[in-house]
Amino acid sequence: MTEEVKDTREGENVTLECRFPPQLVSGGQDNTTFYWARDNKHYKDNVAIHHALLDPNYRVDFQPDQGRYDLRITNASYDRDNGKFECYVKASGSGRIIHYQAFALTVLTPPGPPQILPGVNPMSTEGKTTELTCSSTGGSPVPDIK
């Protein structure tokens, strides 16, 4: 299954829309388990189970009778939110996956200022090659410096 790619800026809010045909859960909420999972460089954990939120920066729009289980991330953070989010709707008891959606969330952050090496005022001699290197740290996605 493919991942939906979403971008947001650090500090902004973003909604990941998990939508499914309501008839998939026609047995009722008691026979169905809903949860959101997060996988990034720091965590692999659940962030919401049904209505229960496991992080104060997350909210869910939980309306299974309308086929909706959206995750709203407030004040997006690169360290916490940059990565993969997965929406699961499973049959209770058997654990059979009724519905699955995956999102690749990129939290955009600017790179640091460029640095030119060697030093601030490099010296060069006429007729000789001088090599300068430009680099930057940080940034999401990783910047391409040319």
N, C-alpha and C. Protein backbone atom coordinates (compact mmCIF):
# COMPACT_ATOMS: atom_id res chain seq x y z
N MET A 1 0.85 -1.18 0.00
CA MET A 1 0.00 0.00 0.00
C MET A 1 0.89 1.24 0.00
N THR A 2 0.49 2.25 -0.73
CA THR A 2 1.28 3.46 -0.83
C THR A 2 1.00 4.41 0.33
N GLU A 3 1.97 5.25 0.58
CA GLU A 3 1.83 6.26 1.63
C GLU A 3 1.41 7.58 0.98
N GLU A 4 0.51 8.28 1.63
CA GLU A 4 0.18 9.63 1.19
C GLU A 4 1.24 10.55 1.78
N VAL A 5 1.81 11.40 0.95
CA VAL A 5 2.87 12.32 1.39
C VAL A 5 2.24 13.64 1.77
N LYS A 6 2.56 14.11 2.98
CA LYS A 6 2.05 15.40 3.46
C LYS A 6 3.24 16.20 4.00
N ASP A 7 3.19 17.51 3.75
CA ASP A 7 4.19 18.44 4.28
C ASP A 7 3.51 19.44 5.20
N THR A 8 4.23 19.87 6.22
CA THR A 8 3.78 20.94 7.08
C THR A 8 5.01 21.66 7.60
N ARG A 9 4.83 22.86 8.07
CA ARG A 9 5.96 23.62 8.63
C ARG A 9 5.99 23.44 10.15
N GLU A 10 7.17 23.54 10.70
CA GLU A 10 7.34 23.48 12.15
C GLU A 10 6.42 24.51 12.79
N GLY A 11 5.66 24.08 13.80
CA GLY A 11 4.77 24.97 14.53
C GLY A 11 3.36 25.08 13.96
N GLU A 12 3.13 24.54 12.76
CA GLU A 12 1.80 24.60 12.16
C GLU A 12 0.97 23.39 12.56
N ASN A 13 -0.31 23.44 12.22
CA ASN A 13 -1.23 22.32 12.46
C ASN A 13 -1.45 21.59 11.14
N VAL A 14 -1.65 20.29 11.23
CA VAL A 14 -1.91 19.48 10.03
C VAL A 14 -2.89 18.37 10.40
N THR A 15 -3.76 18.01 9.46
CA THR A 15 -4.72 16.92 9.67
C THR A 15 -4.43 15.79 8.70
N LEU A 16 -4.33 14.58 9.25
CA LEU A 16 -4.18 13.37 8.45
C LEU A 16 -5.56 12.72 8.40
N GLU A 17 -6.13 12.62 7.20
CA GLU A 17 -7.50 12.16 7.04
C GLU A 17 -7.55 10.65 6.79
N CYS A 18 -8.08 9.94 7.76
CA CYS A 18 -8.29 8.50 7.64
C CYS A 18 -9.78 8.29 7.37
N ARG A 19 -10.09 7.89 6.13
CA ARG A 19 -11.48 7.74 5.72
C ARG A 19 -11.71 6.32 5.21
N PHE A 20 -12.87 5.79 5.54
CA PHE A 20 -13.21 4.42 5.16
C PHE A 20 -14.72 4.32 4.98
N PRO A 21 -15.18 3.33 4.21
CA PRO A 21 -16.63 3.14 4.07
C PRO A 21 -17.23 2.78 5.43
N PRO A 22 -18.23 3.55 5.90
CA PRO A 22 -18.81 3.28 7.22
C PRO A 22 -19.34 1.86 7.39
N GLN A 23 -19.78 1.24 6.31
CA GLN A 23 -20.31 -0.11 6.42
C GLN A 23 -19.24 -1.12 6.83
N LEU A 24 -17.96 -0.76 6.72
CA LEU A 24 -16.89 -1.67 7.17
C LEU A 24 -16.96 -1.93 8.67
N VAL A 25 -17.51 -0.97 9.41
CA VAL A 25 -17.61 -1.12 10.87
C VAL A 25 -19.07 -1.26 11.29
N SER A 26 -19.86 -1.89 10.44
CA SER A 26 -21.30 -2.01 10.72
C SER A 26 -21.59 -2.84 11.97
N GLY A 27 -20.59 -3.63 12.42
CA GLY A 27 -20.77 -4.41 13.65
C GLY A 27 -20.72 -3.55 14.90
N GLY A 28 -20.41 -2.28 14.73
CA GLY A 28 -20.36 -1.36 15.87
C GLY A 28 -18.95 -1.15 16.39
N GLN A 29 -18.80 -0.07 17.18
CA GLN A 29 -17.50 0.30 17.73
C GLN A 29 -16.98 -0.74 18.71
N ASP A 30 -17.87 -1.47 19.36
CA ASP A 30 -17.45 -2.47 20.34
C ASP A 30 -16.73 -3.64 19.67
N ASN A 31 -17.00 -3.86 18.38
CA ASN A 31 -16.38 -4.96 17.65
C ASN A 31 -15.20 -4.51 16.81
N THR A 32 -14.80 -3.23 16.97
CA THR A 32 -13.77 -2.65 16.12
C THR A 32 -12.77 -1.88 16.98
N THR A 33 -11.51 -2.01 16.61
CA THR A 33 -10.45 -1.25 17.28
C THR A 33 -9.90 -0.22 16.30
N PHE A 34 -9.82 1.03 16.77
CA PHE A 34 -9.29 2.12 15.96
C PHE A 34 -8.02 2.63 16.64
N TYR A 35 -6.95 2.83 15.89
CA TYR A 35 -5.78 3.47 16.48
C TYR A 35 -4.87 4.08 15.44
N TRP A 36 -4.11 5.07 15.89
CA TRP A 36 -3.08 5.73 15.09
C TRP A 36 -1.72 5.36 15.65
N ALA A 37 -0.79 4.99 14.76
CA ALA A 37 0.58 4.66 15.16
C ALA A 37 1.54 5.66 14.51
N ARG A 38 2.64 5.93 15.22
CA ARG A 38 3.67 6.86 14.73
C ARG A 38 4.99 6.12 14.69
N ASP A 39 5.78 6.37 13.65
CA ASP A 39 7.10 5.77 13.51
C ASP A 39 8.05 6.84 12.98
N ASN A 40 8.93 7.31 13.85
CA ASN A 40 9.94 8.29 13.42
C ASN A 40 11.29 7.88 13.98
N LYS A 41 12.27 8.76 13.88
CA LYS A 41 13.62 8.37 14.32
C LYS A 41 13.73 8.18 15.84
N HIS A 42 12.75 8.67 16.60
CA HIS A 42 12.80 8.55 18.06
C HIS A 42 11.80 7.53 18.61
N TYR A 43 10.64 7.41 17.96
CA TYR A 43 9.54 6.64 18.54
C TYR A 43 8.95 5.66 17.52
N LYS A 44 8.44 4.57 18.03
CA LYS A 44 7.52 3.70 17.29
C LYS A 44 6.46 3.33 18.30
N ASP A 45 5.35 4.07 18.26
CA ASP A 45 4.33 3.90 19.30
C ASP A 45 2.96 4.31 18.80
N ASN A 46 1.96 4.06 19.62
CA ASN A 46 0.60 4.51 19.32
C ASN A 46 0.43 5.91 19.86
N VAL A 47 -0.32 6.74 19.11
CA VAL A 47 -0.57 8.10 19.57
C VAL A 47 -2.04 8.33 19.91
N ALA A 48 -2.92 7.41 19.45
CA ALA A 48 -4.34 7.51 19.78
C ALA A 48 -4.96 6.12 19.63
N ILE A 49 -5.82 5.79 20.59
CA ILE A 49 -6.59 4.56 20.53
C ILE A 49 -8.04 4.95 20.79
N HIS A 50 -8.91 4.73 19.80
CA HIS A 50 -10.30 5.21 19.84
C HIS A 50 -10.27 6.71 20.13
N HIS A 51 -10.89 7.16 21.22
CA HIS A 51 -10.89 8.57 21.62
C HIS A 51 -9.65 8.92 22.46
N ALA A 52 -9.02 7.92 23.05
CA ALA A 52 -7.91 8.18 23.98
C ALA A 52 -6.70 8.70 23.24
N LEU A 53 -6.20 9.86 23.68
CA LEU A 53 -5.03 10.49 23.08
C LEU A 53 -3.83 10.25 23.97
N LEU A 54 -2.72 9.87 23.36
CA LEU A 54 -1.53 9.54 24.12
C LEU A 54 -0.46 10.62 24.02
N ASP A 55 -0.81 11.76 23.43
CA ASP A 55 0.09 12.91 23.33
C ASP A 55 -0.79 14.16 23.31
N PRO A 56 -0.45 15.19 24.10
CA PRO A 56 -1.31 16.36 24.17
C PRO A 56 -1.37 17.18 22.88
N ASN A 57 -0.46 16.93 21.93
CA ASN A 57 -0.45 17.68 20.67
C ASN A 57 -1.29 17.01 19.59
N TYR A 58 -1.99 15.95 19.92
CA TYR A 58 -2.80 15.23 18.96
C TYR A 58 -4.27 15.26 19.38
N ARG A 59 -5.16 15.33 18.37
CA ARG A 59 -6.60 15.24 18.57
C ARG A 59 -7.13 14.31 17.49
N VAL A 60 -8.25 13.66 17.77
CA VAL A 60 -8.87 12.83 16.74
C VAL A 60 -10.29 13.31 16.47
N ASP A 61 -10.69 13.20 15.22
CA ASP A 61 -12.07 13.40 14.82
C ASP A 61 -12.60 11.99 14.61
N PHE A 62 -13.23 11.44 15.65
CA PHE A 62 -13.63 10.04 15.71
C PHE A 62 -15.12 9.94 15.42
N GLN A 63 -15.45 9.63 14.16
CA GLN A 63 -16.84 9.49 13.75
C GLN A 63 -16.96 8.25 12.85
N PRO A 64 -16.86 7.06 13.45
CA PRO A 64 -16.87 5.84 12.65
C PRO A 64 -18.16 5.64 11.86
N ASP A 65 -19.28 6.16 12.36
CA ASP A 65 -20.55 6.02 11.62
C ASP A 65 -20.53 6.83 10.33
N GLN A 66 -19.56 7.77 10.21
CA GLN A 66 -19.38 8.56 9.00
C GLN A 66 -18.12 8.14 8.24
N GLY A 67 -17.45 7.10 8.74
CA GLY A 67 -16.22 6.63 8.08
C GLY A 67 -15.05 7.57 8.26
N ARG A 68 -14.95 8.17 9.45
CA ARG A 68 -13.91 9.18 9.69
C ARG A 68 -13.16 8.88 11.00
N TYR A 69 -11.83 8.87 10.88
CA TYR A 69 -10.96 8.77 12.06
C TYR A 69 -9.70 9.57 11.78
N ASP A 70 -9.85 10.90 11.75
CA ASP A 70 -8.77 11.81 11.38
C ASP A 70 -7.89 12.13 12.59
N LEU A 71 -6.61 12.33 12.32
CA LEU A 71 -5.66 12.74 13.36
C LEU A 71 -5.24 14.17 13.08
N ARG A 72 -5.45 15.06 14.07
CA ARG A 72 -5.03 16.46 13.95
C ARG A 72 -3.81 16.67 14.83
N ILE A 73 -2.75 17.10 14.20
CA ILE A 73 -1.50 17.38 14.91
C ILE A 73 -1.40 18.89 15.08
N THR A 74 -1.27 19.34 16.32
CA THR A 74 -1.13 20.77 16.58
C THR A 74 0.33 21.07 16.91
N ASN A 75 0.77 22.25 16.47
CA ASN A 75 2.13 22.71 16.76
C ASN A 75 3.16 21.64 16.32
N ALA A 76 3.13 21.28 15.05
CA ALA A 76 4.00 20.23 14.52
C ALA A 76 5.46 20.47 14.89
N SER A 77 6.12 19.39 15.24
CA SER A 77 7.52 19.44 15.66
C SER A 77 8.31 18.43 14.84
N TYR A 78 9.47 18.85 14.33
CA TYR A 78 10.31 17.94 13.55
C TYR A 78 10.66 16.69 14.35
N ASP A 79 11.14 16.88 15.57
CA ASP A 79 11.58 15.73 16.38
C ASP A 79 10.44 14.77 16.70
N ARG A 80 9.26 15.28 16.93
CA ARG A 80 8.13 14.43 17.33
C ARG A 80 7.35 13.89 16.14
N ASP A 81 7.17 14.69 15.09
CA ASP A 81 6.19 14.36 14.06
C ASP A 81 6.74 14.01 12.68
N ASN A 82 7.99 14.29 12.41
CA ASN A 82 8.55 13.98 11.09
C ASN A 82 8.69 12.46 10.98
N GLY A 83 7.91 11.84 10.10
CA GLY A 83 7.98 10.39 9.96
C GLY A 83 6.70 9.81 9.41
N LYS A 84 6.44 8.58 9.77
CA LYS A 84 5.30 7.83 9.23
C LYS A 84 4.19 7.73 10.28
N PHE A 85 2.96 7.96 9.83
CA PHE A 85 1.77 7.79 10.66
C PHE A 85 0.88 6.78 9.97
N GLU A 86 0.29 5.88 10.76
CA GLU A 86 -0.56 4.84 10.21
C GLU A 86 -1.89 4.80 10.95
N CYS A 87 -2.97 4.76 10.18
CA CYS A 87 -4.32 4.64 10.73
C CYS A 87 -4.75 3.19 10.55
N TYR A 88 -5.16 2.57 11.64
CA TYR A 88 -5.63 1.19 11.61
C TYR A 88 -7.06 1.10 12.10
N VAL A 89 -7.86 0.33 11.38
CA VAL A 89 -9.18 -0.07 11.84
C VAL A 89 -9.15 -1.59 11.78
N LYS A 90 -9.28 -2.23 12.96
CA LYS A 90 -9.16 -3.68 13.04
C LYS A 90 -10.39 -4.29 13.70
N ALA A 91 -10.65 -5.53 13.32
CA ALA A 91 -11.72 -6.30 13.96
C ALA A 91 -11.24 -6.73 15.34
N SER A 92 -12.00 -6.40 16.36
CA SER A 92 -11.62 -6.83 17.72
C SER A 92 -11.66 -8.34 17.79
N GLY A 93 -10.78 -8.91 18.56
CA GLY A 93 -10.71 -10.36 18.71
C GLY A 93 -9.76 -10.98 17.72
N SER A 94 -10.10 -10.95 16.42
CA SER A 94 -9.23 -11.58 15.41
C SER A 94 -8.05 -10.70 15.04
N GLY A 95 -8.20 -9.37 15.18
CA GLY A 95 -7.12 -8.46 14.79
C GLY A 95 -7.03 -8.25 13.29
N ARG A 96 -7.99 -8.77 12.55
CA ARG A 96 -7.99 -8.61 11.09
C ARG A 96 -8.08 -7.13 10.74
N ILE A 97 -7.21 -6.70 9.82
CA ILE A 97 -7.22 -5.30 9.40
C ILE A 97 -8.40 -5.07 8.46
N ILE A 98 -9.28 -4.17 8.88
CA ILE A 98 -10.45 -3.80 8.09
C ILE A 98 -10.09 -2.64 7.16
N HIS A 99 -9.29 -1.70 7.67
CA HIS A 99 -8.87 -0.53 6.89
C HIS A 99 -7.49 -0.09 7.38
N TYR A 100 -6.67 0.37 6.42
CA TYR A 100 -5.33 0.84 6.74
C TYR A 100 -4.99 2.00 5.81
N GLN A 101 -4.41 3.07 6.39
CA GLN A 101 -3.90 4.19 5.61
C GLN A 101 -2.58 4.61 6.22
N ALA A 102 -1.61 4.97 5.36
CA ALA A 102 -0.29 5.41 5.83
C ALA A 102 0.01 6.79 5.27
N PHE A 103 0.69 7.58 6.09
CA PHE A 103 1.07 8.94 5.71
C PHE A 103 2.55 9.13 6.01
N ALA A 104 3.27 9.70 5.05
CA ALA A 104 4.66 10.12 5.27
C ALA A 104 4.61 11.62 5.50
N LEU A 105 4.80 12.03 6.76
CA LEU A 105 4.72 13.45 7.11
C LEU A 105 6.13 14.04 7.18
N THR A 106 6.34 15.08 6.40
CA THR A 106 7.61 15.81 6.43
C THR A 106 7.35 17.15 7.11
N VAL A 107 8.03 17.39 8.22
CA VAL A 107 7.95 18.68 8.90
C VAL A 107 9.09 19.52 8.35
N LEU A 108 8.72 20.57 7.60
CA LEU A 108 9.69 21.41 6.92
C LEU A 108 10.38 22.35 7.92
N THR A 109 11.70 22.33 7.90
CA THR A 109 12.49 23.24 8.72
C THR A 109 13.59 23.83 7.85
N PRO A 110 13.91 25.10 8.05
CA PRO A 110 14.95 25.71 7.21
C PRO A 110 16.34 25.22 7.61
N PRO A 111 17.25 25.17 6.65
CA PRO A 111 18.63 24.81 6.99
C PRO A 111 19.31 25.96 7.71
N GLY A 112 20.41 25.65 8.35
CA GLY A 112 21.22 26.68 8.99
C GLY A 112 21.88 27.55 7.93
N PRO A 113 22.48 28.66 8.34
CA PRO A 113 23.14 29.54 7.37
C PRO A 113 24.31 28.82 6.68
N PRO A 114 24.56 29.15 5.41
CA PRO A 114 25.67 28.50 4.72
C PRO A 114 27.01 28.89 5.32
N GLN A 115 27.93 27.95 5.29
CA GLN A 115 29.29 28.20 5.76
C GLN A 115 30.25 27.90 4.63
N ILE A 116 31.18 28.81 4.40
CA ILE A 116 32.18 28.63 3.35
C ILE A 116 33.52 28.34 4.00
N LEU A 117 34.13 27.26 3.56
CA LEU A 117 35.44 26.86 4.08
C LEU A 117 36.46 26.95 2.96
N PRO A 118 37.67 27.32 3.20
CA PRO A 118 38.29 27.56 4.50
C PRO A 118 38.14 29.00 4.96
N GLY A 119 37.51 29.18 6.09
CA GLY A 119 37.45 30.46 6.78
C GLY A 119 36.63 31.52 6.09
N VAL A 120 36.60 32.72 6.74
CA VAL A 120 35.79 33.83 6.27
C VAL A 120 36.46 34.56 5.10
N ASN A 121 37.76 34.78 5.16
CA ASN A 121 38.49 35.50 4.12
C ASN A 121 39.61 34.63 3.57
N PRO A 122 39.27 33.66 2.72
CA PRO A 122 40.33 32.78 2.21
C PRO A 122 41.27 33.54 1.27
N MET A 123 42.52 33.17 1.31
CA MET A 123 43.55 33.78 0.46
C MET A 123 43.77 32.86 -0.73
N SER A 124 44.04 33.47 -1.88
CA SER A 124 44.30 32.71 -3.08
C SER A 124 45.51 33.30 -3.79
N THR A 125 46.26 32.45 -4.45
CA THR A 125 47.44 32.89 -5.19
C THR A 125 47.13 32.76 -6.68
N GLU A 126 47.50 33.82 -7.43
CA GLU A 126 47.24 33.82 -8.87
C GLU A 126 47.91 32.62 -9.52
N GLY A 127 47.13 31.94 -10.38
CA GLY A 127 47.65 30.78 -11.10
C GLY A 127 47.50 29.47 -10.35
N LYS A 128 47.09 29.52 -9.09
CA LYS A 128 46.89 28.29 -8.32
C LYS A 128 45.40 28.09 -8.06
N THR A 129 45.02 26.83 -7.98
CA THR A 129 43.62 26.50 -7.72
C THR A 129 43.31 26.66 -6.23
N THR A 130 42.21 27.29 -5.96
CA THR A 130 41.72 27.40 -4.59
C THR A 130 40.36 26.72 -4.52
N GLU A 131 40.23 25.81 -3.58
CA GLU A 131 38.97 25.08 -3.44
C GLU A 131 38.18 25.64 -2.27
N LEU A 132 36.93 25.99 -2.54
CA LEU A 132 36.03 26.47 -1.50
C LEU A 132 34.90 25.45 -1.35
N THR A 133 34.49 25.23 -0.12
CA THR A 133 33.40 24.31 0.16
C THR A 133 32.29 25.07 0.85
N CYS A 134 31.08 24.93 0.31
CA CYS A 134 29.91 25.54 0.92
C CYS A 134 29.08 24.43 1.55
N SER A 135 28.69 24.61 2.82
CA SER A 135 27.88 23.60 3.49
C SER A 135 26.89 24.27 4.44
N SER A 136 25.92 23.47 4.86
CA SER A 136 24.92 23.94 5.79
C SER A 136 24.49 22.75 6.63
N THR A 137 24.00 23.00 7.83
CA THR A 137 23.51 21.91 8.67
C THR A 137 22.01 22.08 8.88
N GLY A 138 21.36 20.97 9.16
CA GLY A 138 19.92 21.00 9.44
C GLY A 138 19.11 21.09 8.17
N GLY A 139 17.85 21.33 8.36
CA GLY A 139 16.92 21.45 7.25
C GLY A 139 16.17 20.16 7.01
N SER A 140 14.88 20.29 6.77
CA SER A 140 14.05 19.15 6.43
C SER A 140 13.07 19.59 5.35
N PRO A 141 13.13 18.93 4.19
CA PRO A 141 14.03 17.83 3.85
C PRO A 141 15.47 18.33 3.72
N VAL A 142 16.41 17.41 3.64
CA VAL A 142 17.81 17.77 3.56
C VAL A 142 18.02 18.66 2.33
N PRO A 143 18.65 19.85 2.53
CA PRO A 143 18.83 20.77 1.40
C PRO A 143 19.88 20.28 0.42
N ASP A 144 19.72 20.70 -0.84
CA ASP A 144 20.67 20.41 -1.89
C ASP A 144 21.41 21.70 -2.18
N ILE A 145 22.67 21.79 -1.77
CA ILE A 145 23.46 23.02 -1.94
C ILE A 145 24.32 22.86 -3.17
N LYS A 146 24.17 23.83 -4.07
CA LYS A 146 24.96 23.79 -5.32
C LYS A 146 25.75 25.06 -5.48
